[in-house]
Amino acid sequence: DAGLWIILLSMLMSFAGQMGDIAESALKRRMGVKDSSALIPGHGGLF
């Protein structure tokens, strides 16, 4: 039942997700690590 506003909201949420990714990248760069952990071999951690 969602109207066309859901399209704009989806794009804004996409950007928010990208900022979540950027925030974690900034954290890893600040801490000098490549991955949040080695919990998932070849893929880093859950974070």
ModelCIF file with pLDDT and N, C-alpha, C, O atoms, coordinates in Angstrom:
data_MODEL
#
_entry.id   MODEL 
#
_entity.id                         1 
_entity.type                       polymer 
_entity.pdbx_number_of_molecules   1 
#
_entity_poly.entity_id                      1 
_entity_poly.type                           'polypeptide(L)' 
_entity_poly.nstd_linkage                   no 
_entity_poly.nstd_monomer                   no 
_entity_poly.pdbx_seq_one_letter_code       DAGLWIILLSMLMSFAGQMGDIAESALKRRMGVKDSSALIPGHGGLF 
_entity_poly.pdbx_seq_one_letter_code_can   DAGLWIILLSMLMSFAGQMGDIAESALKRRMGVKDSSALIPGHGGLF 
_entity_poly.pdbx_strand_id                 A 
#
loop_
_entity_poly_seq.entity_id 
_entity_poly_seq.num 
_entity_poly_seq.mon_id 
_entity_poly_seq.hetero 
1 1  ASP n 
1 2  ALA n 
1 3  GLY n 
1 4  LEU n 
1 5  TRP n 
1 6  ILE n 
1 7  ILE n 
1 8  LEU n 
1 9  LEU n 
1 10 SER n 
1 11 MET n 
1 12 LEU n 
1 13 MET n 
1 14 SER n 
1 15 PHE n 
1 16 ALA n 
1 17 GLY n 
1 18 GLN n 
1 19 MET n 
1 20 GLY n 
1 21 ASP n 
1 22 ILE n 
1 23 ALA n 
1 24 GLU n 
1 25 SER n 
1 26 ALA n 
1 27 LEU n 
1 28 LYS n 
1 29 ARG n 
1 30 ARG n 
1 31 MET n 
1 32 GLY n 
1 33 VAL n 
1 34 LYS n 
1 35 ASP n 
1 36 SER n 
1 37 SER n 
1 38 ALA n 
1 39 LEU n 
1 40 ILE n 
1 41 PRO n 
1 42 GLY n 
1 43 HIS n 
1 44 GLY n 
1 45 GLY n 
1 46 LEU n 
1 47 PHE n 
#
_struct_asym.id          A 
_struct_asym.entity_id   1 
#
loop_
_ma_qa_metric.id 
_ma_qa_metric.mode 
_ma_qa_metric.name 
_ma_qa_metric.software_group_id 
_ma_qa_metric.type 
1 global pLDDT . pLDDT 
2 local  pLDDT . pLDDT 
#
_ma_qa_metric_global.metric_id      1 
_ma_qa_metric_global.metric_value   91.21 
_ma_qa_metric_global.model_id       1 
_ma_qa_metric_global.ordinal_id     1 
#
loop_
_ma_qa_metric_local.label_asym_id 
_ma_qa_metric_local.label_comp_id 
_ma_qa_metric_local.label_seq_id 
_ma_qa_metric_local.metric_id 
_ma_qa_metric_local.metric_value 
_ma_qa_metric_local.model_id 
_ma_qa_metric_local.ordinal_id 
A ASP 1  2 84.00 1 1  
A ALA 2  2 83.00 1 2  
A GLY 3  2 83.00 1 3  
A LEU 4  2 87.00 1 4  
A TRP 5  2 87.00 1 5  
A ILE 6  2 91.00 1 6  
A ILE 7  2 94.00 1 7  
A LEU 8  2 93.00 1 8  
A LEU 9  2 93.00 1 9  
A SER 10 2 95.00 1 10 
A MET 11 2 96.00 1 11 
A LEU 12 2 96.00 1 12 
A MET 13 2 96.00 1 13 
A SER 14 2 97.00 1 14 
A PHE 15 2 96.00 1 15 
A ALA 16 2 97.00 1 16 
A GLY 17 2 96.00 1 17 
A GLN 18 2 95.00 1 18 
A MET 19 2 95.00 1 19 
A GLY 20 2 95.00 1 20 
A ASP 21 2 94.00 1 21 
A ILE 22 2 94.00 1 22 
A ALA 23 2 95.00 1 23 
A GLU 24 2 95.00 1 24 
A SER 25 2 92.00 1 25 
A ALA 26 2 93.00 1 26 
A LEU 27 2 95.00 1 27 
A LYS 28 2 94.00 1 28 
A ARG 29 2 92.00 1 29 
A ARG 30 2 93.00 1 30 
A MET 31 2 93.00 1 31 
A GLY 32 2 92.00 1 32 
A VAL 33 2 92.00 1 33 
A LYS 34 2 90.00 1 34 
A ASP 35 2 91.00 1 35 
A SER 36 2 93.00 1 36 
A SER 37 2 90.00 1 37 
A ALA 38 2 86.00 1 38 
A LEU 39 2 88.00 1 39 
A ILE 40 2 84.00 1 40 
A PRO 41 2 79.00 1 41 
A GLY 42 2 77.00 1 42 
A HIS 43 2 79.00 1 43 
A GLY 44 2 87.00 1 44 
A GLY 45 2 91.00 1 45 
A LEU 46 2 94.00 1 46 
A PHE 47 2 95.00 1 47 
#
loop_
_atom_site.group_PDB 
_atom_site.id 
_atom_site.type_symbol 
_atom_site.label_atom_id 
_atom_site.label_alt_id 
_atom_site.label_comp_id 
_atom_site.label_asym_id 
_atom_site.label_entity_id 
_atom_site.label_seq_id 
_atom_site.pdbx_PDB_ins_code 
_atom_site.Cartn_x 
_atom_site.Cartn_y 
_atom_site.Cartn_z 
_atom_site.occupancy 
_atom_site.B_iso_or_equiv 
_atom_site.pdbx_formal_charge 
_atom_site.auth_seq_id 
_atom_site.auth_comp_id 
_atom_site.auth_asym_id 
_atom_site.auth_atom_id 
_atom_site.pdbx_PDB_model_num 
ATOM 1   N N  . ASP A 1 1  ? 0.813  -1.215  0.000  1.00 84.00 ? 1  ASP A N  1 
ATOM 2   C CA . ASP A 1 1  ? 0.000  0.000   0.000  1.00 84.00 ? 1  ASP A CA 1 
ATOM 3   C C  . ASP A 1 1  ? 0.850  1.270   0.000  1.00 84.00 ? 1  ASP A C  1 
ATOM 4   O O  . ASP A 1 1  ? 0.315  2.378   0.051  1.00 84.00 ? 1  ASP A O  1 
ATOM 5   N N  . ALA A 1 2  ? 2.151  1.112   -0.056 1.00 83.00 ? 2  ALA A N  1 
ATOM 6   C CA . ALA A 1 2  ? 3.031  2.278   -0.028 1.00 83.00 ? 2  ALA A CA 1 
ATOM 7   C C  . ALA A 1 2  ? 2.890  3.100   -1.305 1.00 83.00 ? 2  ALA A C  1 
ATOM 8   O O  . ALA A 1 2  ? 2.749  2.560   -2.401 1.00 83.00 ? 2  ALA A O  1 
ATOM 9   N N  . GLY A 1 3  ? 2.932  4.409   -1.135 1.00 83.00 ? 3  GLY A N  1 
ATOM 10  C CA . GLY A 1 3  ? 2.889  5.288   -2.297 1.00 83.00 ? 3  GLY A CA 1 
ATOM 11  C C  . GLY A 1 3  ? 4.279  5.510   -2.866 1.00 83.00 ? 3  GLY A C  1 
ATOM 12  O O  . GLY A 1 3  ? 5.244  4.851   -2.479 1.00 83.00 ? 3  GLY A O  1 
ATOM 13  N N  . LEU A 1 4  ? 4.355  6.449   -3.789 1.00 87.00 ? 4  LEU A N  1 
ATOM 14  C CA . LEU A 1 4  ? 5.631  6.700   -4.464 1.00 87.00 ? 4  LEU A CA 1 
ATOM 15  C C  . LEU A 1 4  ? 6.695  7.302   -3.545 1.00 87.00 ? 4  LEU A C  1 
ATOM 16  O O  . LEU A 1 4  ? 7.877  7.331   -3.889 1.00 87.00 ? 4  LEU A O  1 
ATOM 17  N N  . TRP A 1 5  ? 6.266  7.781   -2.373 1.00 87.00 ? 5  TRP A N  1 
ATOM 18  C CA . TRP A 1 5  ? 7.247  8.299   -1.426 1.00 87.00 ? 5  TRP A CA 1 
ATOM 19  C C  . TRP A 1 5  ? 8.249  7.229   -0.997 1.00 87.00 ? 5  TRP A C  1 
ATOM 20  O O  . TRP A 1 5  ? 9.356  7.543   -0.559 1.00 87.00 ? 5  TRP A O  1 
ATOM 21  N N  . ILE A 1 6  ? 7.855  5.978   -1.125 1.00 91.00 ? 6  ILE A N  1 
ATOM 22  C CA . ILE A 1 6  ? 8.743  4.893   -0.710 1.00 91.00 ? 6  ILE A CA 1 
ATOM 23  C C  . ILE A 1 6  ? 10.008 4.855   -1.573 1.00 91.00 ? 6  ILE A C  1 
ATOM 24  O O  . ILE A 1 6  ? 11.046 4.353   -1.141 1.00 91.00 ? 6  ILE A O  1 
ATOM 25  N N  . ILE A 1 7  ? 9.916  5.382   -2.777 1.00 94.00 ? 7  ILE A N  1 
ATOM 26  C CA . ILE A 1 7  ? 11.091 5.419   -3.665 1.00 94.00 ? 7  ILE A CA 1 
ATOM 27  C C  . ILE A 1 7  ? 12.136 6.380   -3.113 1.00 94.00 ? 7  ILE A C  1 
ATOM 28  O O  . ILE A 1 7  ? 13.317 6.043   -3.023 1.00 94.00 ? 7  ILE A O  1 
ATOM 29  N N  . LEU A 1 8  ? 11.689 7.586   -2.742 1.00 93.00 ? 8  LEU A N  1 
ATOM 30  C CA . LEU A 1 8  ? 12.606 8.560   -2.156 1.00 93.00 ? 8  LEU A CA 1 
ATOM 31  C C  . LEU A 1 8  ? 13.143 8.062   -0.823 1.00 93.00 ? 8  LEU A C  1 
ATOM 32  O O  . LEU A 1 8  ? 14.329 8.215   -0.532 1.00 93.00 ? 8  LEU A O  1 
ATOM 33  N N  . LEU A 1 9  ? 12.277 7.470   -0.018 1.00 93.00 ? 9  LEU A N  1 
ATOM 34  C CA . LEU A 1 9  ? 12.699 6.959   1.276  1.00 93.00 ? 9  LEU A CA 1 
ATOM 35  C C  . LEU A 1 9  ? 13.736 5.850   1.109  1.00 93.00 ? 9  LEU A C  1 
ATOM 36  O O  . LEU A 1 9  ? 14.676 5.745   1.897  1.00 93.00 ? 9  LEU A O  1 
ATOM 37  N N  . SER A 1 10 ? 13.559 5.037   0.089  1.00 95.00 ? 10 SER A N  1 
ATOM 38  C CA . SER A 1 10 ? 14.533 3.971   -0.181 1.00 95.00 ? 10 SER A CA 1 
ATOM 39  C C  . SER A 1 10 ? 15.897 4.550   -0.512 1.00 95.00 ? 10 SER A C  1 
ATOM 40  O O  . SER A 1 10 ? 16.921 4.029   -0.068 1.00 95.00 ? 10 SER A O  1 
ATOM 41  N N  . MET A 1 11 ? 15.916 5.619   -1.284 1.00 96.00 ? 11 MET A N  1 
ATOM 42  C CA . MET A 1 11 ? 17.186 6.249   -1.647 1.00 96.00 ? 11 MET A CA 1 
ATOM 43  C C  . MET A 1 11 ? 17.860 6.876   -0.434 1.00 96.00 ? 11 MET A C  1 
ATOM 44  O O  . MET A 1 11 ? 19.079 6.796   -0.281 1.00 96.00 ? 11 MET A O  1 
ATOM 45  N N  . LEU A 1 12 ? 17.057 7.503   0.430  1.00 96.00 ? 12 LEU A N  1 
ATOM 46  C CA . LEU A 1 12 ? 17.620 8.096   1.647  1.00 96.00 ? 12 LEU A CA 1 
ATOM 47  C C  . LEU A 1 12 ? 18.167 7.013   2.574  1.00 96.00 ? 12 LEU A C  1 
ATOM 48  O O  . LEU A 1 12 ? 19.219 7.183   3.191  1.00 96.00 ? 12 LEU A O  1 
ATOM 49  N N  . MET A 1 13 ? 17.445 5.902   2.663  1.00 96.00 ? 13 MET A N  1 
ATOM 50  C CA . MET A 1 13 ? 17.919 4.806   3.493  1.00 96.00 ? 13 MET A CA 1 
ATOM 51  C C  . MET A 1 13 ? 19.172 4.182   2.900  1.00 96.00 ? 13 MET A C  1 
ATOM 52  O O  . MET A 1 13 ? 20.051 3.745   3.643  1.00 96.00 ? 13 MET A O  1 
ATOM 53  N N  . SER A 1 14 ? 19.270 4.133   1.585  1.00 97.00 ? 14 SER A N  1 
ATOM 54  C CA . SER A 1 14 ? 20.471 3.655   0.918  1.00 97.00 ? 14 SER A CA 1 
ATOM 55  C C  . SER A 1 14 ? 21.670 4.506   1.328  1.00 97.00 ? 14 SER A C  1 
ATOM 56  O O  . SER A 1 14 ? 22.739 3.980   1.639  1.00 97.00 ? 14 SER A O  1 
ATOM 57  N N  . PHE A 1 15 ? 21.482 5.806   1.326  1.00 96.00 ? 15 PHE A N  1 
ATOM 58  C CA . PHE A 1 15 ? 22.556 6.719   1.727  1.00 96.00 ? 15 PHE A CA 1 
ATOM 59  C C  . PHE A 1 15 ? 22.930 6.504   3.194  1.00 96.00 ? 15 PHE A C  1 
ATOM 60  O O  . PHE A 1 15 ? 24.108 6.534   3.550  1.00 96.00 ? 15 PHE A O  1 
ATOM 61  N N  . ALA A 1 16 ? 21.913 6.286   4.050  1.00 97.00 ? 16 ALA A N  1 
ATOM 62  C CA . ALA A 1 16 ? 22.186 6.029   5.467  1.00 97.00 ? 16 ALA A CA 1 
ATOM 63  C C  . ALA A 1 16 ? 23.016 4.756   5.630  1.00 97.00 ? 16 ALA A C  1 
ATOM 64  O O  . ALA A 1 16 ? 23.930 4.703   6.452  1.00 97.00 ? 16 ALA A O  1 
ATOM 65  N N  . GLY A 1 17 ? 22.688 3.732   4.839  1.00 96.00 ? 17 GLY A N  1 
ATOM 66  C CA . GLY A 1 17 ? 23.468 2.504   4.874  1.00 96.00 ? 17 GLY A CA 1 
ATOM 67  C C  . GLY A 1 17 ? 24.905 2.736   4.431  1.00 96.00 ? 17 GLY A C  1 
ATOM 68  O O  . GLY A 1 17 ? 25.841 2.198   5.023  1.00 96.00 ? 17 GLY A O  1 
ATOM 69  N N  . GLN A 1 18 ? 25.073 3.539   3.390  1.00 95.00 ? 18 GLN A N  1 
ATOM 70  C CA . GLN A 1 18 ? 26.422 3.866   2.923  1.00 95.00 ? 18 GLN A CA 1 
ATOM 71  C C  . GLN A 1 18 ? 27.211 4.611   3.994  1.00 95.00 ? 18 GLN A C  1 
ATOM 72  O O  . GLN A 1 18 ? 28.415 4.407   4.145  1.00 95.00 ? 18 GLN A O  1 
ATOM 73  N N  . MET A 1 19 ? 26.516 5.481   4.740  1.00 95.00 ? 19 MET A N  1 
ATOM 74  C CA . MET A 1 19 ? 27.188 6.199   5.819  1.00 95.00 ? 19 MET A CA 1 
ATOM 75  C C  . MET A 1 19 ? 27.570 5.257   6.965  1.00 95.00 ? 19 MET A C  1 
ATOM 76  O O  . MET A 1 19 ? 28.578 5.472   7.638  1.00 95.00 ? 19 MET A O  1 
ATOM 77  N N  . GLY A 1 20 ? 26.766 4.218   7.185  1.00 95.00 ? 20 GLY A N  1 
ATOM 78  C CA . GLY A 1 20 ? 27.145 3.208   8.161  1.00 95.00 ? 20 GLY A CA 1 
ATOM 79  C C  . GLY A 1 20 ? 28.420 2.506   7.749  1.00 95.00 ? 20 GLY A C  1 
ATOM 80  O O  . GLY A 1 20 ? 29.292 2.242   8.577  1.00 95.00 ? 20 GLY A O  1 
ATOM 81  N N  . ASP A 1 21 ? 28.523 2.205   6.466  1.00 94.00 ? 21 ASP A N  1 
ATOM 82  C CA . ASP A 1 21 ? 29.724 1.587   5.908  1.00 94.00 ? 21 ASP A CA 1 
ATOM 83  C C  . ASP A 1 21 ? 30.919 2.522   6.050  1.00 94.00 ? 21 ASP A C  1 
ATOM 84  O O  . ASP A 1 21 ? 32.004 2.096   6.447  1.00 94.00 ? 21 ASP A O  1 
ATOM 85  N N  . ILE A 1 22 ? 30.716 3.801   5.724  1.00 94.00 ? 22 ILE A N  1 
ATOM 86  C CA . ILE A 1 22 ? 31.780 4.796   5.828  1.00 94.00 ? 22 ILE A CA 1 
ATOM 87  C C  . ILE A 1 22 ? 32.240 4.945   7.278  1.00 94.00 ? 22 ILE A C  1 
ATOM 88  O O  . ILE A 1 22 ? 33.436 5.052   7.548  1.00 94.00 ? 22 ILE A O  1 
ATOM 89  N N  . ALA A 1 23 ? 31.280 4.952   8.213  1.00 95.00 ? 23 ALA A N  1 
ATOM 90  C CA . ALA A 1 23 ? 31.613 5.115   9.630  1.00 95.00 ? 23 ALA A CA 1 
ATOM 91  C C  . ALA A 1 23 ? 32.500 3.968   10.109 1.00 95.00 ? 23 ALA A C  1 
ATOM 92  O O  . ALA A 1 23 ? 33.466 4.188   10.840 1.00 95.00 ? 23 ALA A O  1 
ATOM 93  N N  . GLU A 1 24 ? 32.168 2.740   9.691  1.00 95.00 ? 24 GLU A N  1 
ATOM 94  C CA . GLU A 1 24 ? 32.998 1.609   10.117 1.00 95.00 ? 24 GLU A CA 1 
ATOM 95  C C  . GLU A 1 24 ? 34.360 1.647   9.445  1.00 95.00 ? 24 GLU A C  1 
ATOM 96  O O  . GLU A 1 24 ? 35.364 1.270   10.050 1.00 95.00 ? 24 GLU A O  1 
ATOM 97  N N  . SER A 1 25 ? 34.403 2.103   8.186  1.00 92.00 ? 25 SER A N  1 
ATOM 98  C CA . SER A 1 25 ? 35.688 2.245   7.493  1.00 92.00 ? 25 SER A CA 1 
ATOM 99  C C  . SER A 1 25 ? 36.570 3.260   8.211  1.00 92.00 ? 25 SER A C  1 
ATOM 100 O O  . SER A 1 25 ? 37.775 3.056   8.354  1.00 92.00 ? 25 SER A O  1 
ATOM 101 N N  . ALA A 1 26 ? 35.956 4.364   8.664  1.00 93.00 ? 26 ALA A N  1 
ATOM 102 C CA . ALA A 1 26 ? 36.703 5.381   9.394  1.00 93.00 ? 26 ALA A CA 1 
ATOM 103 C C  . ALA A 1 26 ? 37.230 4.812   10.712 1.00 93.00 ? 26 ALA A C  1 
ATOM 104 O O  . ALA A 1 26 ? 38.353 5.107   11.121 1.00 93.00 ? 26 ALA A O  1 
ATOM 105 N N  . LEU A 1 27 ? 36.412 3.999   11.367 1.00 95.00 ? 27 LEU A N  1 
ATOM 106 C CA . LEU A 1 27 ? 36.834 3.383   12.622 1.00 95.00 ? 27 LEU A CA 1 
ATOM 107 C C  . LEU A 1 27 ? 38.020 2.453   12.395 1.00 95.00 ? 27 LEU A C  1 
ATOM 108 O O  . LEU A 1 27 ? 38.993 2.501   13.147 1.00 95.00 ? 27 LEU A O  1 
ATOM 109 N N  . LYS A 1 28 ? 37.953 1.611   11.372 1.00 94.00 ? 28 LYS A N  1 
ATOM 110 C CA . LYS A 1 28 ? 39.048 0.680   11.101 1.00 94.00 ? 28 LYS A CA 1 
ATOM 111 C C  . LYS A 1 28 ? 40.322 1.431   10.718 1.00 94.00 ? 28 LYS A C  1 
ATOM 112 O O  . LYS A 1 28 ? 41.419 1.055   11.132 1.00 94.00 ? 28 LYS A O  1 
ATOM 113 N N  . ARG A 1 29 ? 40.175 2.480   9.936  1.00 92.00 ? 29 ARG A N  1 
ATOM 114 C CA . ARG A 1 29 ? 41.347 3.267   9.554  1.00 92.00 ? 29 ARG A CA 1 
ATOM 115 C C  . ARG A 1 29 ? 41.965 3.919   10.791 1.00 92.00 ? 29 ARG A C  1 
ATOM 116 O O  . ARG A 1 29 ? 43.187 3.982   10.929 1.00 92.00 ? 29 ARG A O  1 
ATOM 117 N N  . ARG A 1 30 ? 41.112 4.397   11.676 1.00 93.00 ? 30 ARG A N  1 
ATOM 118 C CA . ARG A 1 30 ? 41.593 5.045   12.905 1.00 93.00 ? 30 ARG A CA 1 
ATOM 119 C C  . ARG A 1 30 ? 42.320 4.048   13.797 1.00 93.00 ? 30 ARG A C  1 
ATOM 120 O O  . ARG A 1 30 ? 43.313 4.386   14.442 1.00 93.00 ? 30 ARG A O  1 
ATOM 121 N N  . MET A 1 31 ? 41.820 2.822   13.828 1.00 93.00 ? 31 MET A N  1 
ATOM 122 C CA . MET A 1 31 ? 42.424 1.790   14.672 1.00 93.00 ? 31 MET A CA 1 
ATOM 123 C C  . MET A 1 31 ? 43.571 1.064   13.977 1.00 93.00 ? 31 MET A C  1 
ATOM 124 O O  . MET A 1 31 ? 44.288 0.292   14.614 1.00 93.00 ? 31 MET A O  1 
ATOM 125 N N  . GLY A 1 32 ? 43.754 1.299   12.679 1.00 92.00 ? 32 GLY A N  1 
ATOM 126 C CA . GLY A 1 32 ? 44.835 0.669   11.936 1.00 92.00 ? 32 GLY A CA 1 
ATOM 127 C C  . GLY A 1 32 ? 44.631 -0.805  11.675 1.00 92.00 ? 32 GLY A C  1 
ATOM 128 O O  . GLY A 1 32 ? 45.590 -1.577  11.669 1.00 92.00 ? 32 GLY A O  1 
ATOM 129 N N  . VAL A 1 33 ? 43.365 -1.211  11.455 1.00 92.00 ? 33 VAL A N  1 
ATOM 130 C CA . VAL A 1 33 ? 43.068 -2.619  11.181 1.00 92.00 ? 33 VAL A CA 1 
ATOM 131 C C  . VAL A 1 33 ? 42.359 -2.734  9.828  1.00 92.00 ? 33 VAL A C  1 
ATOM 132 O O  . VAL A 1 33 ? 41.713 -1.794  9.363  1.00 92.00 ? 33 VAL A O  1 
ATOM 133 N N  . LYS A 1 34 ? 42.494 -3.895  9.219  1.00 90.00 ? 34 LYS A N  1 
ATOM 134 C CA . LYS A 1 34 ? 41.855 -4.130  7.936  1.00 90.00 ? 34 LYS A CA 1 
ATOM 135 C C  . LYS A 1 34 ? 40.422 -4.601  8.096  1.00 90.00 ? 34 LYS A C  1 
ATOM 136 O O  . LYS A 1 34 ? 39.538 -4.175  7.352  1.00 90.00 ? 34 LYS A O  1 
ATOM 137 N N  . ASP A 1 35 ? 40.184 -5.490  9.077  1.00 91.00 ? 35 ASP A N  1 
ATOM 138 C CA . ASP A 1 35 ? 38.865 -6.045  9.331  1.00 91.00 ? 35 ASP A CA 1 
ATOM 139 C C  . ASP A 1 35 ? 38.516 -5.890  10.803 1.00 91.00 ? 35 ASP A C  1 
ATOM 140 O O  . ASP A 1 35 ? 39.395 -5.719  11.648 1.00 91.00 ? 35 ASP A O  1 
ATOM 141 N N  . SER A 1 36 ? 37.216 -5.954  11.098 1.00 93.00 ? 36 SER A N  1 
ATOM 142 C CA . SER A 1 36 ? 36.788 -5.835  12.488 1.00 93.00 ? 36 SER A CA 1 
ATOM 143 C C  . SER A 1 36 ? 37.219 -7.044  13.305 1.00 93.00 ? 36 SER A C  1 
ATOM 144 O O  . SER A 1 36 ? 37.451 -6.931  14.508 1.00 93.00 ? 36 SER A O  1 
ATOM 145 N N  . SER A 1 37 ? 37.327 -8.203  12.657 1.00 90.00 ? 37 SER A N  1 
ATOM 146 C CA . SER A 1 37 ? 37.843 -9.419  13.291 1.00 90.00 ? 37 SER A CA 1 
ATOM 147 C C  . SER A 1 37 ? 38.115 -10.436 12.187 1.00 90.00 ? 37 SER A C  1 
ATOM 148 O O  . SER A 1 37 ? 37.901 -10.161 11.006 1.00 90.00 ? 37 SER A O  1 
ATOM 149 N N  . ALA A 1 38 ? 38.582 -11.602 12.583 1.00 86.00 ? 38 ALA A N  1 
ATOM 150 C CA . ALA A 1 38 ? 38.814 -12.682 11.617 1.00 86.00 ? 38 ALA A CA 1 
ATOM 151 C C  . ALA A 1 38 ? 37.781 -13.783 11.805 1.00 86.00 ? 38 ALA A C  1 
ATOM 152 O O  . ALA A 1 38 ? 38.041 -14.948 11.503 1.00 86.00 ? 38 ALA A O  1 
ATOM 153 N N  . LEU A 1 39 ? 36.615 -13.411 12.303 1.00 88.00 ? 39 LEU A N  1 
ATOM 154 C CA . LEU A 1 39 ? 35.580 -14.389 12.630 1.00 88.00 ? 39 LEU A CA 1 
ATOM 155 C C  . LEU A 1 39 ? 35.102 -15.162 11.405 1.00 88.00 ? 39 LEU A C  1 
ATOM 156 O O  . LEU A 1 39 ? 34.840 -16.362 11.486 1.00 88.00 ? 39 LEU A O  1 
ATOM 157 N N  . ILE A 1 40 ? 34.987 -14.466 10.258 1.00 84.00 ? 40 ILE A N  1 
ATOM 158 C CA . ILE A 1 40 ? 34.544 -15.112 9.021  1.00 84.00 ? 40 ILE A CA 1 
ATOM 159 C C  . ILE A 1 40 ? 35.743 -15.158 8.086  1.00 84.00 ? 40 ILE A C  1 
ATOM 160 O O  . ILE A 1 40 ? 36.109 -14.126 7.523  1.00 84.00 ? 40 ILE A O  1 
ATOM 161 N N  . PRO A 1 41 ? 36.363 -16.307 7.901  1.00 79.00 ? 41 PRO A N  1 
ATOM 162 C CA . PRO A 1 41 ? 37.579 -16.399 7.081  1.00 79.00 ? 41 PRO A CA 1 
ATOM 163 C C  . PRO A 1 41 ? 37.383 -15.795 5.689  1.00 79.00 ? 41 PRO A C  1 
ATOM 164 O O  . PRO A 1 41 ? 36.483 -16.181 4.944  1.00 79.00 ? 41 PRO A O  1 
ATOM 165 N N  . GLY A 1 42 ? 38.253 -14.840 5.364  1.00 77.00 ? 42 GLY A N  1 
ATOM 166 C CA . GLY A 1 42 ? 38.188 -14.203 4.057  1.00 77.00 ? 42 GLY A CA 1 
ATOM 167 C C  . GLY A 1 42 ? 37.196 -13.074 3.949  1.00 77.00 ? 42 GLY A C  1 
ATOM 168 O O  . GLY A 1 42 ? 37.157 -12.381 2.933  1.00 77.00 ? 42 GLY A O  1 
ATOM 169 N N  . HIS A 1 43 ? 36.380 -12.870 4.990  1.00 79.00 ? 43 HIS A N  1 
ATOM 170 C CA . HIS A 1 43 ? 35.340 -11.839 4.931  1.00 79.00 ? 43 HIS A CA 1 
ATOM 171 C C  . HIS A 1 43 ? 35.356 -10.905 6.137  1.00 79.00 ? 43 HIS A C  1 
ATOM 172 O O  . HIS A 1 43 ? 34.502 -10.024 6.238  1.00 79.00 ? 43 HIS A O  1 
ATOM 173 N N  . GLY A 1 44 ? 36.292 -11.076 7.039  1.00 87.00 ? 44 GLY A N  1 
ATOM 174 C CA . GLY A 1 44 ? 36.354 -10.196 8.194  1.00 87.00 ? 44 GLY A CA 1 
ATOM 175 C C  . GLY A 1 44 ? 35.415 -10.627 9.297  1.00 87.00 ? 44 GLY A C  1 
ATOM 176 O O  . GLY A 1 44 ? 35.279 -11.818 9.577  1.00 87.00 ? 44 GLY A O  1 
ATOM 177 N N  . GLY A 1 45 ? 34.763 -9.659  9.929  1.00 91.00 ? 45 GLY A N  1 
ATOM 178 C CA . GLY A 1 45 ? 33.877 -9.938  11.050 1.00 91.00 ? 45 GLY A CA 1 
ATOM 179 C C  . GLY A 1 45 ? 32.434 -9.576  10.758 1.00 91.00 ? 45 GLY A C  1 
ATOM 180 O O  . GLY A 1 45 ? 32.098 -9.142  9.656  1.00 91.00 ? 45 GLY A O  1 
ATOM 181 N N  . LEU A 1 46 ? 31.587 -9.761  11.757 1.00 94.00 ? 46 LEU A N  1 
ATOM 182 C CA . LEU A 1 46 ? 30.165 -9.430  11.587 1.00 94.00 ? 46 LEU A CA 1 
ATOM 183 C C  . LEU A 1 46 ? 29.970 -7.925  11.420 1.00 94.00 ? 46 LEU A C  1 
ATOM 184 O O  . LEU A 1 46 ? 29.084 -7.487  10.686 1.00 94.00 ? 46 LEU A O  1 
ATOM 185 N N  . PHE A 1 47 ? 30.800 -7.138  12.102 1.00 95.00 ? 47 PHE A N  1 
ATOM 186 C CA . PHE A 1 47 ? 30.714 -5.686  11.958 1.00 95.00 ? 47 PHE A CA 1 
ATOM 187 C C  . PHE A 1 47 ? 30.960 -5.274  10.508 1.00 95.00 ? 47 PHE A C  1 
ATOM 188 O O  . PHE A 1 47 ? 30.928 -4.085  10.191 1.00 95.00 ? 47 PHE A O  1 
#
